[in-house]
């Protein structure tokens, strides 16, 4: 492995995220993530209250926009650049927010990292 490829391997913004949580829908421009309730106590409480327990998560505007840009082709850096153009915020701030969001949804298991895109393929 060349020195440049080794360096790229550890650069988080070059990672290409891919969505693994497929149970989601778009509602009025925002992403709604649907989850199946599996905990028996939660199911029982729903039965007692005669309501179906809900475990859905509605993402805000920025998170929804980031979610929709995750296609398994764009790197974290490219997604941040697209979002920065839409928000007119400082790029560093958009990148920081996006990295926090990507790390959160990765820890939850809703995305995985497909590949590491070489820095040479990204026009900076």
PDB file of N, CA and C in Angstrom:
ATOM      1  N   UNK A   1       0.851  -1.179   0.000  1.00  0.00           N
ATOM      2  CA  UNK A   1       0.000   0.000   0.000  1.00  0.00           C
ATOM      3  C   UNK A   1       0.891   1.236   0.000  1.00  0.00           C
ATOM      4  N   UNK A   2       0.589   2.161  -0.876  1.00  0.00           N
ATOM      5  CA  UNK A   2       1.415   3.364  -0.958  1.00  0.00           C
ATOM      6  C   UNK A   2       1.148   4.270   0.232  1.00  0.00           C
ATOM      7  N   UNK A   3       2.045   5.207   0.425  1.00  0.00           N
ATOM      8  CA  UNK A   3       1.945   6.133   1.558  1.00  0.00           C
ATOM      9  C   UNK A   3       0.667   6.971   1.462  1.00  0.00           C
ATOM     10  N   UNK A   4       0.303   7.424   0.253  1.00  0.00           N
ATOM     11  CA  UNK A   4      -0.902   8.241   0.066  1.00  0.00           C
ATOM     12  C   UNK A   4      -2.160   7.437   0.395  1.00  0.00           C
ATOM     13  N   UNK A   5      -2.214   6.177  -0.012  1.00  0.00           N
ATOM     14  CA  UNK A   5      -3.386   5.341   0.275  1.00  0.00           C
ATOM     15  C   UNK A   5      -3.516   5.073   1.768  1.00  0.00           C
ATOM     16  N   UNK A   6      -2.386   4.886   2.457  1.00  0.00           N
ATOM     17  CA  UNK A   6      -2.425   4.688   3.898  1.00  0.00           C
ATOM     18  C   UNK A   6      -2.981   5.923   4.591  1.00  0.00           C
ATOM     19  N   UNK A   7      -2.548   7.100   4.130  1.00  0.00           N
ATOM     20  CA  UNK A   7      -3.018   8.352   4.726  1.00  0.00           C
ATOM     21  C   UNK A   7      -4.521   8.521   4.484  1.00  0.00           C
ATOM     22  N   UNK A   8      -4.993   8.193   3.287  1.00  0.00           N
ATOM     23  CA  UNK A   8      -6.413   8.300   2.964  1.00  0.00           C
ATOM     24  C   UNK A   8      -7.260   7.363   3.818  1.00  0.00           C
ATOM     25  N   UNK A   9      -6.721   6.198   4.131  1.00  0.00           N
ATOM     26  CA  UNK A   9      -7.454   5.194   4.899  1.00  0.00           C
ATOM     27  C   UNK A   9      -7.888   5.719   6.268  1.00  0.00           C
ATOM     28  N   UNK A  10      -7.122   6.630   6.839  1.00  0.00           N
ATOM     29  CA  UNK A  10      -7.417   7.144   8.167  1.00  0.00           C
ATOM     30  C   UNK A  10      -8.068   8.527   8.150  1.00  0.00           C
ATOM     31  N   UNK A  11      -8.405   9.031   6.979  1.00  0.00           N
ATOM     32  CA  UNK A  11      -9.051  10.335   6.859  1.00  0.00           C
ATOM     33  C   UNK A  11     -10.558  10.121   6.795  1.00  0.00           C
ATOM     34  N   UNK A  12     -11.265  10.423   7.882  1.00  0.00           N
ATOM     35  CA  UNK A  12     -12.691  10.123   7.994  1.00  0.00           C
ATOM     36  C   UNK A  12     -13.528  10.791   6.907  1.00  0.00           C
ATOM     37  N   UNK A  13     -13.165  11.977   6.476  1.00  0.00           N
ATOM     38  CA  UNK A  13     -13.985  12.687   5.490  1.00  0.00           C
ATOM     39  C   UNK A  13     -13.936  12.023   4.116  1.00  0.00           C
ATOM     40  N   UNK A  14     -13.031  11.087   3.905  1.00  0.00           N
ATOM     41  CA  UNK A  14     -12.951  10.365   2.637  1.00  0.00           C
ATOM     42  C   UNK A  14     -13.781   9.080   2.646  1.00  0.00           C
ATOM     43  N   UNK A  15     -14.367   8.727   3.801  1.00  0.00           N
ATOM     44  CA  UNK A  15     -15.194   7.526   3.896  1.00  0.00           C
ATOM     45  C   UNK A  15     -16.485   7.730   3.106  1.00  0.00           C
ATOM     46  N   UNK A  16     -16.970   6.662   2.505  1.00  0.00           N
ATOM     47  CA  UNK A  16     -18.209   6.697   1.723  1.00  0.00           C
ATOM     48  C   UNK A  16     -19.283   5.932   2.505  1.00  0.00           C
ATOM     49  N   UNK A  17     -20.243   6.662   3.113  1.00  0.00           N
ATOM     50  CA  UNK A  17     -21.291   5.984   3.878  1.00  0.00           C
ATOM     51  C   UNK A  17     -22.375   5.412   2.967  1.00  0.00           C
ATOM     52  N   UNK A  18     -22.998   4.335   3.448  1.00  0.00           N
ATOM     53  CA  UNK A  18     -24.087   3.685   2.730  1.00  0.00           C
ATOM     54  C   UNK A  18     -25.172   3.338   3.755  1.00  0.00           C
ATOM     55  N   UNK A  19     -26.419   3.615   3.442  1.00  0.00           N
ATOM     56  CA  UNK A  19     -27.531   3.370   4.361  1.00  0.00           C
ATOM     57  C   UNK A  19     -27.803   1.873   4.465  1.00  0.00           C
ATOM     58  N   UNK A  20     -27.909   1.383   5.700  1.00  0.00           N
ATOM     59  CA  UNK A  20     -28.268  -0.014   5.930  1.00  0.00           C
ATOM     60  C   UNK A  20     -29.672  -0.137   6.521  1.00  0.00           C
ATOM     61  N   UNK A  21     -30.157   0.911   7.176  1.00  0.00           N
ATOM     62  CA  UNK A  21     -31.511   0.901   7.747  1.00  0.00           C
ATOM     63  C   UNK A  21     -32.497   1.279   6.640  1.00  0.00           C
ATOM     64  N   UNK A  22     -33.198   0.280   6.121  1.00  0.00           N
ATOM     65  CA  UNK A  22     -34.045   0.499   4.951  1.00  0.00           C
ATOM     66  C   UNK A  22     -35.488   0.879   5.282  1.00  0.00           C
ATOM     67  N   UNK A  23     -35.879   0.829   6.541  1.00  0.00           N
ATOM     68  CA  UNK A  23     -37.259   1.144   6.916  1.00  0.00           C
ATOM     69  C   UNK A  23     -37.385   2.626   7.250  1.00  0.00           C
ATOM     70  N   UNK A  24     -37.453   3.455   6.212  1.00  0.00           N
ATOM     71  CA  UNK A  24     -37.595   4.898   6.390  1.00  0.00           C
ATOM     72  C   UNK A  24     -38.468   5.438   5.268  1.00  0.00           C
ATOM     73  N   UNK A  25     -39.013   6.623   5.487  1.00  0.00           N
ATOM     74  CA  UNK A  25     -39.856   7.261   4.477  1.00  0.00           C
ATOM     75  C   UNK A  25     -39.684   8.774   4.549  1.00  0.00           C
ATOM     76  N   UNK A  26     -40.095   9.419   3.504  1.00  0.00           N
ATOM     77  CA  UNK A  26     -39.997  10.875   3.411  1.00  0.00           C
ATOM     78  C   UNK A  26     -41.375  11.460   3.691  1.00  0.00           C
ATOM     79  N   UNK A  27     -41.472  12.325   4.710  1.00  0.00           N
ATOM     80  CA  UNK A  27     -42.732  12.972   5.069  1.00  0.00           C
ATOM     81  C   UNK A  27     -42.530  14.476   5.094  1.00  0.00           C
ATOM     82  N   UNK A  28     -43.161  15.165   4.161  1.00  0.00           N
ATOM     83  CA  UNK A  28     -43.094  16.625   4.078  1.00  0.00           C
ATOM     84  C   UNK A  28     -41.648  17.130   4.088  1.00  0.00           C
ATOM     85  N   UNK A  29     -40.796  16.468   3.332  1.00  0.00           N
ATOM     86  CA  UNK A  29     -39.411  16.896   3.199  1.00  0.00           C
ATOM     87  C   UNK A  29     -38.490  16.451   4.319  1.00  0.00           C
ATOM     88  N   UNK A  30     -39.002  15.695   5.276  1.00  0.00           N
ATOM     89  CA  UNK A  30     -38.176  15.205   6.377  1.00  0.00           C
ATOM     90  C   UNK A  30     -38.190  13.684   6.387  1.00  0.00           C
ATOM     91  N   UNK A  31     -37.084  13.113   6.795  1.00  0.00           N
ATOM     92  CA  UNK A  31     -36.941  11.660   6.836  1.00  0.00           C
ATOM     93  C   UNK A  31     -37.496  11.136   8.162  1.00  0.00           C
ATOM     94  N   UNK A  32     -38.357  10.126   8.064  1.00  0.00           N
ATOM     95  CA  UNK A  32     -38.907   9.452   9.232  1.00  0.00           C
ATOM     96  C   UNK A  32     -38.345   8.039   9.256  1.00  0.00           C
ATOM     97  N   UNK A  33     -37.562   7.735  10.291  1.00  0.00           N
ATOM     98  CA  UNK A  33     -36.997   6.394  10.460  1.00  0.00           C
ATOM     99  C   UNK A  33     -37.977   5.571  11.281  1.00  0.00           C
ATOM    100  N   UNK A  34     -38.346   4.417  10.777  1.00  0.00           N
ATOM    101  CA  UNK A  34     -39.297   3.532  11.455  1.00  0.00           C
ATOM    102  C   UNK A  34     -38.537   2.395  12.124  1.00  0.00           C
ATOM    103  N   UNK A  35     -38.964   2.054  13.339  1.00  0.00           N
ATOM    104  CA  UNK A  35     -38.331   0.974  14.093  1.00  0.00           C
ATOM    105  C   UNK A  35     -39.402   0.047  14.632  1.00  0.00           C
ATOM    106  N   UNK A  36     -39.118  -1.236  14.613  1.00  0.00           N
ATOM    107  CA  UNK A  36     -40.032  -2.221  15.165  1.00  0.00           C
ATOM    108  C   UNK A  36     -39.811  -2.292  16.681  1.00  0.00           C
ATOM    109  N   UNK A  37     -40.903  -2.278  17.425  1.00  0.00           N
ATOM    110  CA  UNK A  37     -40.814  -2.382  18.883  1.00  0.00           C
ATOM    111  C   UNK A  37     -40.645  -3.856  19.236  1.00  0.00           C
ATOM    112  N   UNK A  38     -39.541  -4.168  19.920  1.00  0.00           N
ATOM    113  CA  UNK A  38     -39.238  -5.566  20.256  1.00  0.00           C
ATOM    114  C   UNK A  38     -39.278  -5.835  21.755  1.00  0.00           C
ATOM    115  N   UNK A  39     -39.164  -4.798  22.559  1.00  0.00           N
ATOM    116  CA  UNK A  39     -39.099  -4.987  24.014  1.00  0.00           C
ATOM    117  C   UNK A  39     -40.465  -5.429  24.544  1.00  0.00           C
ATOM    118  N   UNK A  40     -40.533  -6.546  25.277  1.00  0.00           N
ATOM    119  CA  UNK A  40     -41.817  -7.079  25.731  1.00  0.00           C
ATOM    120  C   UNK A  40     -42.584  -6.138  26.673  1.00  0.00           C
ATOM    121  N   UNK A  41     -41.878  -5.407  27.535  1.00  0.00           N
ATOM    122  CA  UNK A  41     -42.581  -4.496  28.445  1.00  0.00           C
ATOM    123  C   UNK A  41     -43.225  -3.340  27.685  1.00  0.00           C
ATOM    124  N   UNK A  42     -42.549  -2.855  26.671  1.00  0.00           N
ATOM    125  CA  UNK A  42     -43.103  -1.778  25.855  1.00  0.00           C
ATOM    126  C   UNK A  42     -44.334  -2.279  25.101  1.00  0.00           C
ATOM    127  N   UNK A  43     -44.254  -3.490  24.569  1.00  0.00           N
ATOM    128  CA  UNK A  43     -45.405  -4.067  23.876  1.00  0.00           C
ATOM    129  C   UNK A  43     -46.586  -4.253  24.830  1.00  0.00           C
ATOM    130  N   UNK A  44     -46.294  -4.731  26.039  1.00  0.00           N
ATOM    131  CA  UNK A  44     -47.348  -4.952  27.022  1.00  0.00           C
ATOM    132  C   UNK A  44     -47.993  -3.635  27.448  1.00  0.00           C
ATOM    133  N   UNK A  45     -47.180  -2.600  27.647  1.00  0.00           N
ATOM    134  CA  UNK A  45     -47.730  -1.285  28.010  1.00  0.00           C
ATOM    135  C   UNK A  45     -48.623  -0.767  26.885  1.00  0.00           C
ATOM    136  N   UNK A  46     -48.243  -0.973  25.650  1.00  0.00           N
ATOM    137  CA  UNK A  46     -49.076  -0.582  24.517  1.00  0.00           C
ATOM    138  C   UNK A  46     -50.383  -1.342  24.499  1.00  0.00           C
ATOM    139  N   UNK A  47     -50.324  -2.637  24.841  1.00  0.00           N
ATOM    140  CA  UNK A  47     -51.539  -3.450  24.908  1.00  0.00           C
ATOM    141  C   UNK A  47     -52.481  -2.923  25.984  1.00  0.00           C
ATOM    142  N   UNK A  48     -51.938  -2.585  27.159  1.00  0.00           N
ATOM    143  CA  UNK A  48     -52.769  -2.065  28.250  1.00  0.00           C
ATOM    144  C   UNK A  48     -53.420  -0.737  27.898  1.00  0.00           C
ATOM    145  N   UNK A  49     -52.706   0.095  27.161  1.00  0.00           N
ATOM    146  CA  UNK A  49     -53.239   1.412  26.807  1.00  0.00           C
ATOM    147  C   UNK A  49     -54.021   1.371  25.494  1.00  0.00           C
ATOM    148  N   UNK A  50     -54.119   0.184  24.903  1.00  0.00           N
ATOM    149  CA  UNK A  50     -54.833  -0.014  23.633  1.00  0.00           C
ATOM    150  C   UNK A  50     -54.286   0.880  22.533  1.00  0.00           C
ATOM    151  N   UNK A  51     -52.956   1.016  22.521  1.00  0.00           N
ATOM    152  CA  UNK A  51     -52.246   1.789  21.498  1.00  0.00           C
ATOM    153  C   UNK A  51     -51.076   0.975  20.996  1.00  0.00           C
ATOM    154  N   UNK A  52     -50.779   1.120  19.737  1.00  0.00           N
ATOM    155  CA  UNK A  52     -49.600   0.484  19.154  1.00  0.00           C
ATOM    156  C   UNK A  52     -48.379   1.316  19.549  1.00  0.00           C
ATOM    157  N   UNK A  53     -47.398   0.720  20.244  1.00  0.00           N
ATOM    158  CA  UNK A  53     -46.214   1.505  20.621  1.00  0.00           C
ATOM    159  C   UNK A  53     -45.420   1.939  19.386  1.00  0.00           C
ATOM    160  N   UNK A  54     -44.985   3.188  19.385  1.00  0.00           N
ATOM    161  CA  UNK A  54     -44.239   3.744  18.267  1.00  0.00           C
ATOM    162  C   UNK A  54     -42.802   4.017  18.695  1.00  0.00           C
ATOM    163  N   UNK A  55     -41.869   3.710  17.835  1.00  0.00           N
ATOM    164  CA  UNK A  55     -40.460   3.967  18.095  1.00  0.00           C
ATOM    165  C   UNK A  55     -39.845   4.621  16.866  1.00  0.00           C
ATOM    166  N   UNK A  56     -40.521   5.601  16.319  1.00  0.00           N
ATOM    167  CA  UNK A  56     -40.057   6.257  15.107  1.00  0.00           C
ATOM    168  C   UNK A  56     -39.236   7.491  15.457  1.00  0.00           C
ATOM    169  N   UNK A  57     -38.394   7.911  14.516  1.00  0.00           N
ATOM    170  CA  UNK A  57     -37.566   9.096  14.715  1.00  0.00           C
ATOM    171  C   UNK A  57     -37.685   9.991  13.488  1.00  0.00           C
ATOM    172  N   UNK A  58     -38.113  11.225  13.699  1.00  0.00           N
ATOM    173  CA  UNK A  58     -38.218  12.198  12.621  1.00  0.00           C
ATOM    174  C   UNK A  58     -36.970  13.071  12.650  1.00  0.00           C
ATOM    175  N   UNK A  59     -36.201  13.039  11.557  1.00  0.00           N
ATOM    176  CA  UNK A  59     -34.979  13.834  11.479  1.00  0.00           C
ATOM    177  C   UNK A  59     -35.307  15.280  11.138  1.00  0.00           C
ATOM    178  N   UNK A  60     -34.479  16.208  11.622  1.00  0.00           N
ATOM    179  CA  UNK A  60     -34.685  17.618  11.293  1.00  0.00           C
ATOM    180  C   UNK A  60     -34.274  17.879   9.841  1.00  0.00           C
ATOM    181  N   UNK A  61     -34.411  19.125   9.395  1.00  0.00           N
ATOM    182  CA  UNK A  61     -34.158  19.484   7.992  1.00  0.00           C
ATOM    183  C   UNK A  61     -32.729  19.141   7.555  1.00  0.00           C
ATOM    184  N   UNK A  62     -31.741  19.540   8.345  1.00  0.00           N
ATOM    185  CA  UNK A  62     -30.337  19.307   7.964  1.00  0.00           C
ATOM    186  C   UNK A  62     -29.988  17.826   7.985  1.00  0.00           C
ATOM    187  N   UNK A  63     -30.455  17.121   8.993  1.00  0.00           N
ATOM    188  CA  UNK A  63     -30.178  15.687   9.076  1.00  0.00           C
ATOM    189  C   UNK A  63     -30.872  14.938   7.942  1.00  0.00           C
ATOM    190  N   UNK A  64     -32.086  15.349   7.613  1.00  0.00           N
ATOM    191  CA  UNK A  64     -32.816  14.734   6.499  1.00  0.00           C
ATOM    192  C   UNK A  64     -32.087  14.959   5.185  1.00  0.00           C
ATOM    193  N   UNK A  65     -31.590  16.177   4.990  1.00  0.00           N
ATOM    194  CA  UNK A  65     -30.848  16.481   3.762  1.00  0.00           C
ATOM    195  C   UNK A  65     -29.589  15.620   3.676  1.00  0.00           C
ATOM    196  N   UNK A  66     -28.888  15.454   4.796  1.00  0.00           N
ATOM    197  CA  UNK A  66     -27.685  14.615   4.813  1.00  0.00           C
ATOM    198  C   UNK A  66     -28.052  13.163   4.532  1.00  0.00           C
ATOM    199  N   UNK A  67     -29.119  12.673   5.152  1.00  0.00           N
ATOM    200  CA  UNK A  67     -29.570  11.292   4.959  1.00  0.00           C
ATOM    201  C   UNK A  67     -29.855  11.023   3.476  1.00  0.00           C
ATOM    202  N   UNK A  68     -30.519  11.962   2.829  1.00  0.00           N
ATOM    203  CA  UNK A  68     -30.879  11.801   1.423  1.00  0.00           C
ATOM    204  C   UNK A  68     -29.658  11.851   0.499  1.00  0.00           C
ATOM    205  N   UNK A  69     -28.582  12.480   0.949  1.00  0.00           N
ATOM    206  CA  UNK A  69     -27.355  12.554   0.147  1.00  0.00           C
ATOM    207  C   UNK A  69     -26.472  11.316   0.297  1.00  0.00           C
ATOM    208  N   UNK A  70     -26.753  10.496   1.302  1.00  0.00           N
ATOM    209  CA  UNK A  70     -25.979   9.270   1.512  1.00  0.00           C
ATOM    210  C   UNK A  70     -26.461   8.240   0.497  1.00  0.00           C
ATOM    211  N   UNK A  71     -25.619   7.987  -0.501  1.00  0.00           N
ATOM    212  CA  UNK A  71     -26.024   7.093  -1.595  1.00  0.00           C
ATOM    213  C   UNK A  71     -25.015   5.986  -1.875  1.00  0.00           C
ATOM    214  N   UNK A  72     -23.975   5.891  -1.076  1.00  0.00           N
ATOM    215  CA  UNK A  72     -22.960   4.872  -1.312  1.00  0.00           C
ATOM    216  C   UNK A  72     -21.954   5.280  -2.376  1.00  0.00           C
ATOM    217  N   UNK A  73     -22.066   6.493  -2.898  1.00  0.00           N
ATOM    218  CA  UNK A  73     -21.148   6.993  -3.919  1.00  0.00           C
ATOM    219  C   UNK A  73     -20.367   8.221  -3.435  1.00  0.00           C
ATOM    220  N   UNK A  74     -21.017   9.054  -2.633  1.00  0.00           N
ATOM    221  CA  UNK A  74     -20.399  10.305  -2.165  1.00  0.00           C
ATOM    222  C   UNK A  74     -19.660  10.077  -0.848  1.00  0.00           C
ATOM    223  N   UNK A  75     -18.537  10.751  -0.712  1.00  0.00           N
ATOM    224  CA  UNK A  75     -17.794  10.705   0.547  1.00  0.00           C
ATOM    225  C   UNK A  75     -18.411  11.707   1.528  1.00  0.00           C
ATOM    226  N   UNK A  76     -17.994  11.621   2.772  1.00  0.00           N
ATOM    227  CA  UNK A  76     -18.460  12.557   3.795  1.00  0.00           C
ATOM    228  C   UNK A  76     -18.108  13.991   3.374  1.00  0.00           C
ATOM    229  N   UNK A  77     -16.924  14.172   2.825  1.00  0.00           N
ATOM    230  CA  UNK A  77     -16.486  15.499   2.379  1.00  0.00           C
ATOM    231  C   UNK A  77     -17.408  16.047   1.291  1.00  0.00           C
ATOM    232  N   UNK A  78     -17.763  15.214   0.318  1.00  0.00           N
ATOM    233  CA  UNK A  78     -18.634  15.657  -0.772  1.00  0.00           C
ATOM    234  C   UNK A  78     -20.036  16.007  -0.274  1.00  0.00           C
ATOM    235  N   UNK A  79     -20.539  15.233   0.668  1.00  0.00           N
ATOM    236  CA  UNK A  79     -21.859  15.523   1.245  1.00  0.00           C
ATOM    237  C   UNK A  79     -21.821  16.853   1.984  1.00  0.00           C
ATOM    238  N   UNK A  80     -20.757  17.099   2.742  1.00  0.00           N
ATOM    239  CA  UNK A  80     -20.610  18.363   3.469  1.00  0.00           C
ATOM    240  C   UNK A  80     -20.526  19.535   2.504  1.00  0.00           C
ATOM    241  N   UNK A  81     -19.830  19.351   1.408  1.00  0.00           N
ATOM    242  CA  UNK A  81     -19.704  20.431   0.423  1.00  0.00           C
ATOM    243  C   UNK A  81     -21.070  20.766  -0.191  1.00  0.00           C
ATOM    244  N   UNK A  82     -21.867  19.765  -0.516  1.00  0.00           N
ATOM    245  CA  UNK A  82     -23.208  19.991  -1.070  1.00  0.00           C
ATOM    246  C   UNK A  82     -24.080  20.708  -0.043  1.00  0.00           C
ATOM    247  N   UNK A  83     -24.030  20.254   1.206  1.00  0.00           N
ATOM    248  CA  UNK A  83     -24.838  20.895   2.247  1.00  0.00           C
ATOM    249  C   UNK A  83     -24.396  22.330   2.490  1.00  0.00           C
ATOM    250  N   UNK A  84     -23.119  22.582   2.437  1.00  0.00           N
ATOM    251  CA  UNK A  84     -22.598  23.924   2.663  1.00  0.00           C
ATOM    252  C   UNK A  84     -23.099  24.891   1.590  1.00  0.00           C
ATOM    253  N   UNK A  85     -23.219  24.422   0.365  1.00  0.00           N
ATOM    254  CA  UNK A  85     -23.735  25.261  -0.712  1.00  0.00           C
ATOM    255  C   UNK A  85     -25.209  25.596  -0.501  1.00  0.00           C
ATOM    256  N   UNK A  86     -25.954  24.669   0.089  1.00  0.00           N
ATOM    257  CA  UNK A  86     -27.384  24.888   0.337  1.00  0.00           C
ATOM    258  C   UNK A  86     -27.632  25.809   1.524  1.00  0.00           C
ATOM    259  N   UNK A  87     -26.768  25.744   2.545  1.00  0.00           N
ATOM    260  CA  UNK A  87     -27.014  26.497   3.777  1.00  0.00           C
ATOM    261  C   UNK A  87     -26.313  27.839   3.822  1.00  0.00           C
ATOM    262  N   UNK A  88     -25.335  28.054   2.985  1.00  0.00           N
ATOM    263  CA  UNK A  88     -24.537  29.279   2.994  1.00  0.00           C
ATOM    264  C   UNK A  88     -23.811  29.494   4.315  1.00  0.00           C
ATOM    265  N   UNK A  89     -23.584  28.406   5.067  1.00  0.00           N
ATOM    266  CA  UNK A  89     -22.803  28.482   6.299  1.00  0.00           C
ATOM    267  C   UNK A  89     -21.335  28.264   5.952  1.00  0.00           C
ATOM    268  N   UNK A  90     -20.492  28.469   6.929  1.00  0.00           N
ATOM    269  CA  UNK A  90     -19.067  28.208   6.750  1.00  0.00           C
ATOM    270  C   UNK A  90     -18.863  26.701   6.584  1.00  0.00           C
ATOM    271  N   UNK A  91     -18.036  26.323   5.626  1.00  0.00           N
ATOM    272  CA  UNK A  91     -17.840  24.913   5.301  1.00  0.00           C
ATOM    273  C   UNK A  91     -17.360  24.104   6.510  1.00  0.00           C
ATOM    274  N   UNK A  92     -16.439  24.648   7.286  1.00  0.00           N
ATOM    275  CA  UNK A  92     -15.901  23.928   8.437  1.00  0.00           C
ATOM    276  C   UNK A  92     -17.005  23.581   9.435  1.00  0.00           C
ATOM    277  N   UNK A  93     -17.939  24.502   9.623  1.00  0.00           N
ATOM    278  CA  UNK A  93     -19.049  24.260  10.561  1.00  0.00           C
ATOM    279  C   UNK A  93     -19.986  23.178  10.018  1.00  0.00           C
ATOM    280  N   UNK A  94     -20.290  23.229   8.716  1.00  0.00           N
ATOM    281  CA  UNK A  94     -21.137  22.201   8.105  1.00  0.00           C
ATOM    282  C   UNK A  94     -20.470  20.834   8.185  1.00  0.00           C
ATOM    283  N   UNK A  95     -19.182  20.785   7.954  1.00  0.00           N
ATOM    284  CA  UNK A  95     -18.440  19.530   8.022  1.00  0.00           C
ATOM    285  C   UNK A  95     -18.449  18.979   9.444  1.00  0.00           C
ATOM    286  N   UNK A  96     -18.245  19.840  10.427  1.00  0.00           N
ATOM    287  CA  UNK A  96     -18.257  19.398  11.831  1.00  0.00           C
ATOM    288  C   UNK A  96     -19.615  18.795  12.201  1.00  0.00           C
ATOM    289  N   UNK A  97     -20.704  19.498  11.832  1.00  0.00           N
ATOM    290  CA  UNK A  97     -22.050  18.994  12.135  1.00  0.00           C
ATOM    291  C   UNK A  97     -22.318  17.669  11.429  1.00  0.00           C
ATOM    292  N   UNK A  98     -21.895  17.577  10.167  1.00  0.00           N
ATOM    293  CA  UNK A  98     -22.123  16.352   9.406  1.00  0.00           C
ATOM    294  C   UNK A  98     -21.344  15.185   9.988  1.00  0.00           C
ATOM    295  N   UNK A  99     -20.103  15.406  10.379  1.00  0.00           N
ATOM    296  CA  UNK A  99     -19.297  14.335  10.967  1.00  0.00           C
ATOM    297  C   UNK A  99     -19.956  13.832  12.250  1.00  0.00           C
ATOM    298  N   UNK A 100     -20.465  14.722  13.076  1.00  0.00           N
ATOM    299  CA  UNK A 100     -21.159  14.304  14.299  1.00  0.00           C
ATOM    300  C   UNK A 100     -22.394  13.467  13.965  1.00  0.00           C
ATOM    301  N   UNK A 101     -23.165  13.894  12.972  1.00  0.00           N
ATOM    302  CA  UNK A 101     -24.364  13.160  12.566  1.00  0.00           C
ATOM    303  C   UNK A 101     -23.990  11.788  12.004  1.00  0.00           C
ATOM    304  N   UNK A 102     -22.990  11.735  11.132  1.00  0.00           N
ATOM    305  CA  UNK A 102     -22.564  10.471  10.515  1.00  0.00           C
ATOM    306  C   UNK A 102     -22.069   9.498  11.592  1.00  0.00           C
ATOM    307  N   UNK A 103     -21.306   9.988  12.548  1.00  0.00           N
ATOM    308  CA  UNK A 103     -20.819   9.122  13.627  1.00  0.00           C
ATOM    309  C   UNK A 103     -21.983   8.598  14.464  1.00  0.00           C
ATOM    310  N   UNK A 104     -22.979   9.442  14.732  1.00  0.00           N
ATOM    311  CA  UNK A 104     -24.149   9.030  15.519  1.00  0.00           C
ATOM    312  C   UNK A 104     -24.914   7.913  14.807  1.00  0.00           C
ATOM    313  N   UNK A 105     -25.240   8.124  13.524  1.00  0.00           N
ATOM    314  CA  UNK A 105     -26.030   7.106  12.821  1.00  0.00           C
ATOM    315  C   UNK A 105     -25.197   5.844  12.545  1.00  0.00           C
ATOM    316  N   UNK A 106     -23.889   5.989  12.504  1.00  0.00           N
ATOM    317  CA  UNK A 106     -23.026   4.817  12.352  1.00  0.00           C
ATOM    318  C   UNK A 106     -23.037   3.982  13.631  1.00  0.00           C
ATOM    319  N   UNK A 107     -22.950   4.643  14.780  1.00  0.00           N
ATOM    320  CA  UNK A 107     -22.980   3.926  16.064  1.00  0.00           C
ATOM    321  C   UNK A 107     -24.304   3.202  16.258  1.00  0.00           C
ATOM    322  N   UNK A 108     -25.391   3.770  15.735  1.00  0.00           N
ATOM    323  CA  UNK A 108     -26.706   3.135  15.825  1.00  0.00           C
ATOM    324  C   UNK A 108     -26.841   1.965  14.855  1.00  0.00           C
ATOM    325  N   UNK A 109     -25.922   1.870  13.889  1.00  0.00           N
ATOM    326  CA  UNK A 109     -25.962   0.778  12.921  1.00  0.00           C
ATOM    327  C   UNK A 109     -26.859   1.058  11.722  1.00  0.00           C
ATOM    328  N   UNK A 110     -27.211   2.314  11.503  1.00  0.00           N
ATOM    329  CA  UNK A 110     -28.117   2.678  10.411  1.00  0.00           C
ATOM    330  C   UNK A 110     -27.374   2.893   9.099  1.00  0.00           C
ATOM    331  N   UNK A 111     -26.046   3.044   9.163  1.00  0.00           N
ATOM    332  CA  UNK A 111     -25.216   3.140   7.960  1.00  0.00           C
ATOM    333  C   UNK A 111     -23.982   2.277   8.164  1.00  0.00           C
ATOM    334  N   UNK A 112     -23.300   2.021   7.074  1.00  0.00           N
ATOM    335  CA  UNK A 112     -21.982   1.389   7.139  1.00  0.00           C
ATOM    336  C   UNK A 112     -21.089   2.156   6.171  1.00  0.00           C
ATOM    337  N   UNK A 113     -19.812   1.945   6.291  1.00  0.00           N
ATOM    338  CA  UNK A 113     -18.876   2.613   5.400  1.00  0.00           C
ATOM    339  C   UNK A 113     -18.516   1.653   4.277  1.00  0.00           C
ATOM    340  N   UNK A 114     -18.839   2.057   3.071  1.00  0.00           N
ATOM    341  CA  UNK A 114     -18.653   1.203   1.903  1.00  0.00           C
ATOM    342  C   UNK A 114     -17.184   1.121   1.513  1.00  0.00           C
ATOM    343  N   UNK A 115     -16.561   2.262   1.297  1.00  0.00           N
ATOM    344  CA  UNK A 115     -15.166   2.317   0.881  1.00  0.00           C
ATOM    345  C   UNK A 115     -14.528   3.582   1.424  1.00  0.00           C
ATOM    346  N   UNK A 116     -13.258   3.725   1.140  1.00  0.00           N
ATOM    347  CA  UNK A 116     -12.550   4.978   1.387  1.00  0.00           C
ATOM    348  C   UNK A 116     -12.178   5.518   0.016  1.00  0.00           C
ATOM    349  N   UNK A 117     -12.676   6.704  -0.299  1.00  0.00           N
ATOM    350  CA  UNK A 117     -12.421   7.300  -1.599  1.00  0.00           C
ATOM    351  C   UNK A 117     -11.043   7.955  -1.590  1.00  0.00           C
ATOM    352  N   UNK A 118     -10.208   7.652  -2.568  1.00  0.00           N
ATOM    353  CA  UNK A 118      -8.889   8.296  -2.619  1.00  0.00           C
ATOM    354  C   UNK A 118      -9.022   9.811  -2.761  1.00  0.00           C
ATOM    355  N   UNK A 119      -8.156  10.524  -2.077  1.00  0.00           N
ATOM    356  CA  UNK A 119      -8.197  11.993  -2.095  1.00  0.00           C
ATOM    357  C   UNK A 119      -8.093  12.534  -3.517  1.00  0.00           C
ATOM    358  N   UNK A 120      -7.414  11.824  -4.379  1.00  0.00           N
ATOM    359  CA  UNK A 120      -7.227  12.275  -5.763  1.00  0.00           C
ATOM    360  C   UNK A 120      -8.545  12.319  -6.523  1.00  0.00           C
ATOM    361  N   UNK A 121      -9.550  11.519  -6.102  1.00  0.00           N
ATOM    362  CA  UNK A 121     -10.842  11.493  -6.799  1.00  0.00           C
ATOM    363  C   UNK A 121     -11.765  12.626  -6.385  1.00  0.00           C
ATOM    364  N   UNK A 122     -11.423  13.345  -5.328  1.00  0.00           N
ATOM    365  CA  UNK A 122     -12.273  14.416  -4.825  1.00  0.00           C
ATOM    366  C   UNK A 122     -11.691  15.753  -5.248  1.00  0.00           C
ATOM    367  N   UNK A 123     -12.482  16.517  -5.981  1.00  0.00           N
ATOM    368  CA  UNK A 123     -12.031  17.858  -6.383  1.00  0.00           C
ATOM    369  C   UNK A 123     -12.264  18.814  -5.235  1.00  0.00           C
ATOM    370  N   UNK A 124     -11.191  19.256  -4.615  1.00  0.00           N
ATOM    371  CA  UNK A 124     -11.301  20.134  -3.443  1.00  0.00           C
ATOM    372  C   UNK A 124     -11.355  21.574  -3.843  1.00  0.00           C
TER     373      UNK A 124
END
